[in-house]
Protein backbone atom coordinates (compact mmCIF):
# COMPACT_ATOMS: atom_id res chain seq x y z
CA MET A 1 -49.74 52.53 56.39
CA ILE A 2 -46.73 53.31 54.20
CA ASN A 3 -45.06 55.08 57.11
CA SER A 4 -45.15 51.86 59.17
CA ILE A 5 -43.18 49.86 56.56
CA SER A 6 -39.43 49.78 56.96
CA LEU A 7 -37.65 50.76 53.73
CA GLU A 8 -35.26 47.84 54.21
CA ASN A 9 -38.22 45.45 53.86
CA ILE A 10 -39.21 46.57 50.39
CA LEU A 11 -38.06 44.59 47.35
CA CYS A 12 -38.32 46.35 43.99
CA LEU A 13 -38.81 44.31 40.82
CA ASP A 14 -38.64 45.45 37.20
CA ILE A 15 -39.40 43.02 34.38
CA GLU A 16 -38.57 44.20 30.87
CA THR A 17 -40.38 42.56 27.99
CA VAL A 18 -40.41 42.83 24.20
CA PRO A 19 -42.53 41.21 21.46
CA GLN A 20 -41.39 37.69 20.53
CA TYR A 21 -40.74 38.85 16.98
CA ALA A 22 -39.25 42.16 15.87
CA THR A 23 -42.04 42.97 13.42
CA PHE A 24 -45.55 41.73 12.69
CA GLU A 25 -44.33 40.42 9.33
CA GLU A 26 -41.98 37.99 11.15
CA VAL A 27 -44.78 36.43 13.19
CA PRO A 28 -45.52 32.86 12.02
CA GLU A 29 -48.74 32.43 10.09
CA GLU A 30 -50.12 30.13 12.80
CA ILE A 31 -49.86 32.91 15.41
CA LYS A 32 -51.01 35.91 13.34
CA PRO A 33 -54.75 35.15 13.73
CA LEU A 34 -54.27 35.07 17.51
CA TRP A 35 -52.66 38.52 17.47
CA VAL A 36 -55.34 39.91 15.12
CA ARG A 37 -57.98 38.73 17.60
CA LYS A 38 -56.12 40.29 20.54
CA ALA A 39 -55.48 43.52 18.63
CA SER A 40 -59.17 43.87 17.82
CA ASN A 41 -59.77 44.37 21.56
CA LEU A 42 -56.96 46.97 21.75
CA LYS A 43 -58.07 49.19 18.88
CA ARG A 44 -59.11 52.68 19.87
CA ASP A 45 -60.29 53.60 16.40
CA GLU A 46 -61.14 51.68 13.26
CA GLY A 47 -58.17 53.08 11.31
CA THR A 48 -55.60 51.33 13.48
CA GLU A 49 -54.11 48.20 11.97
CA GLU A 50 -52.87 45.15 13.83
CA GLN A 51 -49.33 45.68 12.50
CA HIS A 52 -49.12 49.09 14.23
CA LEU A 53 -50.34 47.65 17.51
CA TYR A 54 -47.78 44.83 17.45
CA GLU A 55 -45.10 47.01 19.05
CA ARG A 56 -47.17 46.71 22.25
CA ALA A 57 -47.26 42.89 22.06
CA GLY A 58 -44.47 42.55 24.61
CA ILE A 59 -46.72 43.45 27.51
CA TYR A 60 -49.00 40.47 26.82
CA ALA A 61 -47.70 37.15 28.12
CA GLU A 62 -48.74 35.12 25.11
CA PHE A 63 -46.97 37.42 22.63
CA GLY A 64 -44.01 38.76 24.60
CA LYS A 65 -40.77 37.51 26.06
CA ILE A 66 -38.78 38.60 29.09
CA ILE A 67 -35.37 40.04 28.28
CA CYS A 68 -34.31 41.37 31.70
CA ILE A 69 -35.36 41.14 35.34
CA THR A 70 -33.93 43.63 37.82
CA THR A 71 -34.27 43.50 41.59
CA GLY A 72 -33.46 46.27 44.01
CA PHE A 73 -33.49 46.91 47.72
CA LEU A 74 -32.32 49.55 50.17
CA SER A 75 -29.41 48.56 52.36
CA CYS A 76 -28.82 50.53 55.57
CA LYS A 77 -25.29 50.13 56.90
CA ASP A 78 -23.09 52.24 59.13
CA GLU A 79 -21.92 54.29 56.12
CA GLY A 80 -25.50 55.20 55.20
CA ARG A 81 -28.14 53.97 52.82
CA GLN A 82 -27.40 52.29 49.52
CA PHE A 83 -29.84 51.19 46.87
CA ARG A 84 -28.54 47.83 45.63
CA LEU A 85 -29.50 46.52 42.16
CA LYS A 86 -29.04 43.18 40.46
CA SER A 87 -30.06 42.55 36.87
CA PHE A 88 -30.58 39.17 35.26
CA VAL A 89 -30.50 39.20 31.48
CA VAL A 90 -32.50 36.37 30.00
CA MET A 91 -30.37 34.82 27.26
CA MET A 92 -31.89 31.37 26.94
CA LYS A 93 -34.58 29.83 24.83
CA LYS A 94 -37.82 29.25 26.62
CA PRO A 95 -38.60 25.58 27.18
CA TYR A 96 -42.17 26.19 25.96
CA SER A 97 -41.34 28.20 22.84
CA LYS A 98 -42.88 25.87 20.28
CA ILE A 99 -46.03 26.91 18.47
CA SER A 100 -47.82 23.81 19.78
CA HIS A 101 -47.64 25.27 23.30
CA LEU A 102 -49.94 28.12 22.30
CA TYR A 103 -52.96 25.89 21.79
């Protein structure tokens, strides 16, 4: 099937995320219990603490934020193929960034 798809018809997307807060200590007290509950499902062994798992929080929608979206596509012109990229850096506050939107 992949051989029947034209390379010019493929759009590549890359979404980069990070945790909403740099460290677990910076997370507001209202949100910490939510992360502790999520982290309990992520633990591989009992010795792992929620603070150490927080660096992975960016991949979960409720604890992460998007910092960059990149799109790419293959352009075939007379001079050959080019892979064209466009990045969009997210530098705005989310409209739903208040704690009340988590409940």
